[in-house]
Amino acid sequence: MKFTADTKIKDVLAANPKTAEVMLSMGLHCLGCVSSTNESIAGAARMHGMEVDTLLVTLNEVEMGEMNTATAALAQPEGAILQADHATYAVVPHIPAGICTPDMLRKIADVAEKYKSAALKLTSAQRIAIVGLQAEDVPKVWADLGMESGQAAGLCVRSVKVCPGTTFCKRGLQDSVTLGLELDKRYHGVDLPTKFKIGVAGCPNKCTDAANIDLGFMGTAKGFHIYVGGNGGVKPRAADLLAENKTAAEALEIAEKVVSYFKVMGRQEERLGRMIDRMGFANFAQAVLG
């Protein structure tokens, strides 16, 4: 296999595991990180201040073979996130809409205690991270939990953030919980060109960042407003208002069009908002709304 600047690091490793040793020696130390291995060679070079051509030539010159034992030991356990100490890991079980039962909480607590977790962290994405696990314990933790991953990393749709809406909150104007659970069921973990966040709010308070997220829904007295293209990070972007006062069924139809269009038209590592800026909001709206 001839590697190009657009080849993902995970595909380089799959084609020739021995390249792992070379990348480590050059300072690419995140070979077990889902987000990092989804980077292209060009992206990895930019992130580490390297010349793309130098890295590309080096990787293509590596002899075929398996990575050695020491390098293999650095590979990140599946479904885990390397922590700041570069020695322990966190796992993040999926909790749809952030709604959990006492039994679910007990199970998470029992597993954390059994494997001597350093902490339980409530995340901003309505998940519970079990922090400070040993690498060898990660598969056993997942087996004991019997839960799927909350997709806290990787190029995919993350867990859908959902406010209490009319189900629990006195300020709720729309049923955000039902819509949010359906969106989570349809899209959680779906592969996309880059990470993709969805939030559903039942009123204009937008408690789940509906106007600052890739795809947001805000409840009004007349239906849902739909926002697209928001993101935080180093270059934050406010979302654009795509549609107003839509029913839950109409909101789901628009969500499908937005996600499907982005999956085809988005560039690697390009957030939805940057794609909209590149093509123009009017053109994007015409493409997804017709």
Protein backbone atom coordinates (compact mmCIF):
# COMPACT_ATOMS: atom_id res chain seq x y z
CA MET A 1 0.00 0.00 0.00
CA LYS A 2 1.39 3.39 -1.01
CA PHE A 3 0.61 6.01 1.64
CA THR A 4 -0.49 9.50 0.60
CA ALA A 5 -0.93 12.71 2.58
CA ASP A 6 -4.63 11.88 2.94
CA THR A 7 -4.09 8.35 4.32
CA LYS A 8 -5.34 8.04 7.90
CA ILE A 9 -2.84 7.06 10.58
CA LYS A 10 -5.03 4.09 11.56
CA ASP A 11 -4.83 2.81 7.96
CA VAL A 12 -1.04 3.22 7.99
CA LEU A 13 -0.86 1.14 11.17
CA ALA A 14 -3.22 -1.49 9.78
CA ALA A 15 -1.23 -1.83 6.56
CA ASN A 16 2.17 -1.93 8.26
CA PRO A 17 2.19 -2.11 12.09
CA LYS A 18 5.97 -1.61 12.12
CA THR A 19 5.38 2.05 11.20
CA ALA A 20 4.26 2.53 14.83
CA GLU A 21 7.86 2.32 16.06
CA VAL A 22 8.98 4.93 13.55
CA MET A 23 6.14 7.31 14.40
CA LEU A 24 6.90 7.01 18.11
CA SER A 25 10.57 7.77 17.47
CA MET A 26 9.52 10.91 15.54
CA GLY A 27 7.36 12.21 18.39
CA LEU A 28 3.91 10.93 17.38
CA HIS A 29 2.97 9.46 20.75
CA CYS A 30 -0.81 9.19 20.39
CA LEU A 31 -1.03 5.95 18.44
CA GLY A 32 -3.64 4.57 20.80
CA CYS A 33 -5.89 7.63 20.70
CA VAL A 34 -9.01 7.22 18.54
CA SER A 35 -9.07 10.88 17.51
CA SER A 36 -5.36 10.98 16.68
CA THR A 37 -5.33 7.80 14.60
CA ASN A 38 -8.28 9.13 12.61
CA GLU A 39 -6.06 12.02 11.54
CA SER A 40 -4.53 11.96 8.08
CA ILE A 41 -0.75 11.89 7.65
CA ALA A 42 -0.98 15.55 6.64
CA GLY A 43 -3.03 16.38 9.74
CA ALA A 44 -0.63 14.54 12.04
CA ALA A 45 2.32 16.37 10.49
CA ARG A 46 0.67 19.75 11.01
CA MET A 47 -0.24 18.93 14.60
CA HIS A 48 3.35 17.97 15.44
CA GLY A 49 5.08 20.71 13.44
CA MET A 50 6.58 18.33 10.87
CA GLU A 51 7.01 18.58 7.14
CA VAL A 52 4.29 16.50 5.49
CA ASP A 53 6.61 15.24 2.75
CA THR A 54 9.26 14.15 5.26
CA LEU A 55 6.78 12.12 7.29
CA LEU A 56 5.21 10.68 4.16
CA VAL A 57 8.52 9.56 2.66
CA THR A 58 9.64 8.06 6.00
CA LEU A 59 6.45 6.02 6.44
CA ASN A 60 6.59 4.71 2.89
CA GLU A 61 10.19 3.57 3.41
CA VAL A 62 9.49 1.49 6.54
CA GLU A 63 10.02 -2.22 5.96
CA MET A 64 6.98 -4.42 6.41
CA GLY A 65 6.58 -6.10 9.76
CA GLU A 66 4.82 -6.25 13.12
CA MET A 67 5.37 -3.71 15.89
CA ASN A 68 7.57 -4.89 18.73
CA THR A 69 6.23 -5.82 22.18
CA ALA A 70 7.17 -2.52 23.81
CA THR A 71 5.38 -0.51 21.14
CA ALA A 72 2.33 -2.77 21.18
CA ALA A 73 2.04 -2.18 24.93
CA LEU A 74 1.52 1.51 24.23
CA ALA A 75 -1.55 0.87 22.10
CA GLN A 76 -4.66 2.25 23.72
CA PRO A 77 -7.22 -0.29 24.91
CA GLU A 78 -10.39 -0.24 22.83
CA GLY A 79 -13.02 2.11 24.19
CA ALA A 80 -10.62 3.96 26.49
CA ILE A 81 -9.12 7.45 26.70
CA LEU A 82 -5.53 8.01 27.80
CA GLN A 83 -5.30 10.30 30.84
CA ALA A 84 -2.93 13.15 31.71
CA ASP A 85 -0.52 10.82 33.52
CA HIS A 86 0.03 8.91 30.23
CA ALA A 87 -0.36 5.68 32.20
CA THR A 88 -4.02 5.23 33.11
CA TYR A 89 -7.27 5.36 31.15
CA ALA A 90 -10.87 6.51 31.39
CA VAL A 91 -13.95 4.84 29.98
CA VAL A 92 -17.22 6.66 29.32
CA PRO A 93 -20.37 4.52 29.24
CA HIS A 94 -23.24 5.72 27.07
CA ILE A 95 -26.17 7.24 28.99
CA PRO A 96 -28.79 8.25 26.38
CA ALA A 97 -30.09 11.80 27.00
CA GLY A 98 -28.23 11.78 30.32
CA ILE A 99 -31.14 9.92 31.92
CA CYS A 100 -30.15 7.01 34.11
CA THR A 101 -31.69 4.66 36.65
CA PRO A 102 -30.53 3.93 40.21
CA ASP A 103 -29.46 0.46 39.02
CA MET A 104 -27.28 2.03 36.31
CA LEU A 105 -25.65 4.35 38.83
CA ARG A 106 -25.02 1.45 41.23
CA LYS A 107 -23.43 -0.61 38.47
CA ILE A 108 -21.11 2.22 37.46
CA ALA A 109 -20.17 2.84 41.08
CA ASP A 110 -19.59 -0.86 41.79
CA VAL A 111 -17.38 -1.29 38.73
CA ALA A 112 -15.41 1.85 39.56
CA GLU A 113 -14.84 0.57 43.08
CA LYS A 114 -13.96 -2.96 41.95
CA TYR A 115 -11.20 -1.73 39.62
CA LYS A 116 -9.99 1.02 41.97
CA SER A 117 -10.93 3.93 39.74
CA ALA A 118 -9.30 7.20 40.77
CA ALA A 119 -12.54 9.16 40.29
CA LEU A 120 -15.97 9.35 38.71
CA LYS A 121 -16.30 12.50 36.58
CA LEU A 122 -19.65 13.94 35.49
CA THR A 123 -18.91 15.36 32.04
CA SER A 124 -20.42 18.34 30.23
CA ALA A 125 -21.86 15.90 27.69
CA GLN A 126 -24.16 14.23 30.27
CA ARG A 127 -21.92 11.19 30.71
CA ILE A 128 -20.09 9.64 33.67
CA ALA A 129 -16.40 8.99 33.07
CA ILE A 130 -14.70 6.26 35.10
CA VAL A 131 -11.23 7.71 35.45
CA GLY A 132 -7.84 6.25 36.38
CA LEU A 133 -8.10 2.66 35.19
CA GLN A 134 -5.21 0.33 34.38
CA ALA A 135 -4.92 -0.72 30.74
CA GLU A 136 -5.31 -4.42 31.51
CA ASP A 137 -8.56 -3.72 33.38
CA VAL A 138 -10.32 -1.81 30.59
CA PRO A 139 -11.78 -4.88 28.77
CA LYS A 140 -12.97 -6.31 32.11
CA VAL A 141 -14.57 -2.98 33.02
CA TRP A 142 -16.59 -2.94 29.80
CA ALA A 143 -17.61 -6.58 30.30
CA ASP A 144 -18.82 -5.86 33.83
CA LEU A 145 -20.66 -2.71 32.80
CA GLY A 146 -22.48 -4.36 29.90
CA MET A 147 -22.92 -0.90 28.35
CA GLU A 148 -21.85 0.63 25.06
CA SER A 149 -19.29 3.41 24.80
CA GLY A 150 -20.46 7.01 25.02
CA GLN A 151 -18.26 7.92 22.01
CA ALA A 152 -16.31 10.55 23.92
CA ALA A 153 -13.66 10.52 21.19
CA GLY A 154 -13.41 9.73 17.50
CA LEU A 155 -14.76 11.11 14.23
CA CYS A 156 -18.44 10.41 14.75
CA VAL A 157 -21.66 11.66 16.29
CA ARG A 158 -21.15 12.05 20.01
CA SER A 159 -23.82 11.50 22.66
CA VAL A 160 -26.82 13.78 22.12
CA LYS A 161 -27.19 16.41 24.88
CA VAL A 162 -30.82 16.71 26.00
CA CYS A 163 -32.50 19.04 28.49
CA PRO A 164 -35.44 17.94 30.69
CA GLY A 165 -38.01 19.63 28.40
CA THR A 166 -41.70 19.15 29.07
CA THR A 167 -40.96 15.77 30.66
CA PHE A 168 -39.38 17.29 33.78
CA CYS A 169 -38.91 21.07 33.50
CA LYS A 170 -41.57 23.71 34.26
CA ARG A 171 -40.07 25.95 31.55
CA GLY A 172 -40.21 23.30 28.82
CA LEU A 173 -42.17 24.23 25.72
CA GLN A 174 -41.43 21.11 23.66
CA ASP A 175 -40.74 17.45 24.36
CA SER A 176 -36.97 17.54 24.06
CA VAL A 177 -36.49 14.15 25.75
CA THR A 178 -38.46 12.15 23.18
CA LEU A 179 -36.80 13.97 20.27
CA GLY A 180 -33.36 13.68 21.85
CA LEU A 181 -33.66 9.97 22.55
CA GLU A 182 -34.73 9.34 18.95
CA LEU A 183 -31.81 11.37 17.60
CA ASP A 184 -29.44 9.50 19.89
CA LYS A 185 -30.87 6.16 18.75
CA ARG A 186 -30.43 7.07 15.08
CA TYR A 187 -27.07 8.81 15.08
CA HIS A 188 -24.97 8.08 18.18
CA GLY A 189 -21.61 6.73 16.99
CA VAL A 190 -22.31 7.22 13.26
CA ASP A 191 -19.02 7.81 11.42
CA LEU A 192 -18.60 11.29 9.89
CA PRO A 193 -15.69 13.35 8.51
CA THR A 194 -15.07 14.72 12.00
CA LYS A 195 -16.70 14.87 15.41
CA PHE A 196 -20.32 16.00 15.37
CA LYS A 197 -22.35 17.21 18.32
CA ILE A 198 -26.12 17.40 18.68
CA GLY A 199 -28.10 19.20 21.37
CA VAL A 200 -31.83 19.42 22.07
CA ALA A 201 -33.35 22.16 24.24
CA GLY A 202 -37.01 22.38 25.18
CA CYS A 203 -37.12 26.18 25.48
CA PRO A 204 -35.22 29.34 24.38
CA ASN A 205 -32.87 29.08 27.38
CA LYS A 206 -30.93 26.60 25.21
CA CYS A 207 -29.47 24.75 28.20
CA THR A 208 -27.86 22.19 25.87
CA ASP A 209 -26.00 24.70 23.67
CA ALA A 210 -28.48 24.40 20.80
CA ALA A 211 -27.11 27.55 19.13
CA ASN A 212 -23.44 26.67 19.64
CA ILE A 213 -23.30 23.10 18.39
CA ASP A 214 -23.13 21.29 15.04
CA LEU A 215 -26.85 20.51 15.05
CA GLY A 216 -29.14 22.08 17.62
CA PHE A 217 -32.86 22.06 18.32
CA MET A 218 -34.60 24.72 20.44
CA GLY A 219 -38.21 24.40 21.58
CA THR A 220 -40.67 27.27 21.17
CA ALA A 221 -44.41 27.48 21.76
CA LYS A 222 -44.88 26.66 18.06
CA GLY A 223 -42.29 23.94 17.51
CA PHE A 224 -38.54 23.52 17.18
CA HIS A 225 -36.05 26.01 15.77
CA ILE A 226 -33.11 24.21 14.13
CA TYR A 227 -29.54 25.51 14.23
CA VAL A 228 -26.52 24.26 12.28
CA GLY A 229 -22.77 24.79 12.23
CA GLY A 230 -21.96 25.88 15.76
CA ASN A 231 -18.83 24.78 17.60
CA GLY A 232 -16.57 25.72 20.48
CA GLY A 233 -12.83 25.19 20.52
CA VAL A 234 -9.99 27.47 19.48
CA LYS A 235 -12.09 29.01 16.71
CA PRO A 236 -15.63 29.14 18.10
CA ARG A 237 -18.53 29.65 15.73
CA ALA A 238 -22.14 30.55 16.46
CA ALA A 239 -24.68 28.33 14.72
CA ASP A 240 -26.89 29.52 11.86
CA LEU A 241 -30.67 29.34 12.15
CA LEU A 242 -31.76 26.86 9.50
CA ALA A 243 -35.49 26.43 10.17
CA GLU A 244 -38.18 27.63 12.56
CA ASN A 245 -41.18 26.15 14.38
CA LYS A 246 -40.89 22.60 13.03
CA THR A 247 -42.70 19.60 14.45
CA ALA A 248 -40.64 16.79 15.97
CA ALA A 249 -41.26 14.70 12.84
CA GLU A 250 -40.10 17.55 10.58
CA ALA A 251 -37.07 18.10 12.82
CA LEU A 252 -36.06 14.45 12.40
CA GLU A 253 -36.40 14.73 8.62
CA ILE A 254 -34.15 17.79 8.56
CA ALA A 255 -31.65 16.10 10.88
CA GLU A 256 -31.37 13.18 8.46
CA LYS A 257 -30.75 15.54 5.55
CA VAL A 258 -28.10 17.51 7.45
CA VAL A 259 -26.19 14.45 8.69
CA SER A 260 -26.38 12.67 5.32
CA TYR A 261 -25.25 15.75 3.41
CA PHE A 262 -22.34 16.38 5.76
CA LYS A 263 -21.27 12.75 5.53
CA VAL A 264 -20.92 13.10 1.76
CA MET A 265 -19.76 16.70 1.38
CA GLY A 266 -17.70 17.32 4.51
CA ARG A 267 -13.93 17.19 4.31
CA GLN A 268 -11.76 15.22 6.70
CA GLU A 269 -11.39 17.04 10.04
CA GLU A 270 -13.69 19.87 8.87
CA ARG A 271 -16.49 20.79 11.26
CA LEU A 272 -19.94 21.37 9.82
CA GLY A 273 -19.70 25.13 10.37
CA ARG A 274 -16.47 25.35 8.39
CA MET A 275 -18.10 23.43 5.54
CA ILE A 276 -21.00 25.88 5.62
CA ASP A 277 -18.57 28.81 5.51
CA ARG A 278 -16.77 27.20 2.59
CA MET A 279 -19.88 26.66 0.48
CA GLY A 280 -22.06 29.49 1.78
CA PHE A 281 -25.05 29.18 4.10
CA ALA A 282 -27.61 29.85 1.35
CA ASN A 283 -26.21 27.01 -0.74
CA PHE A 284 -26.16 24.68 2.26
CA ALA A 285 -29.73 25.53 3.22
CA GLN A 286 -30.89 24.96 -0.35
CA ALA A 287 -29.14 21.58 -0.44
CA VAL A 288 -30.71 20.27 2.79
CA LEU A 289 -34.11 21.96 2.68
CA GLY A 290 -34.71 21.88 -1.08
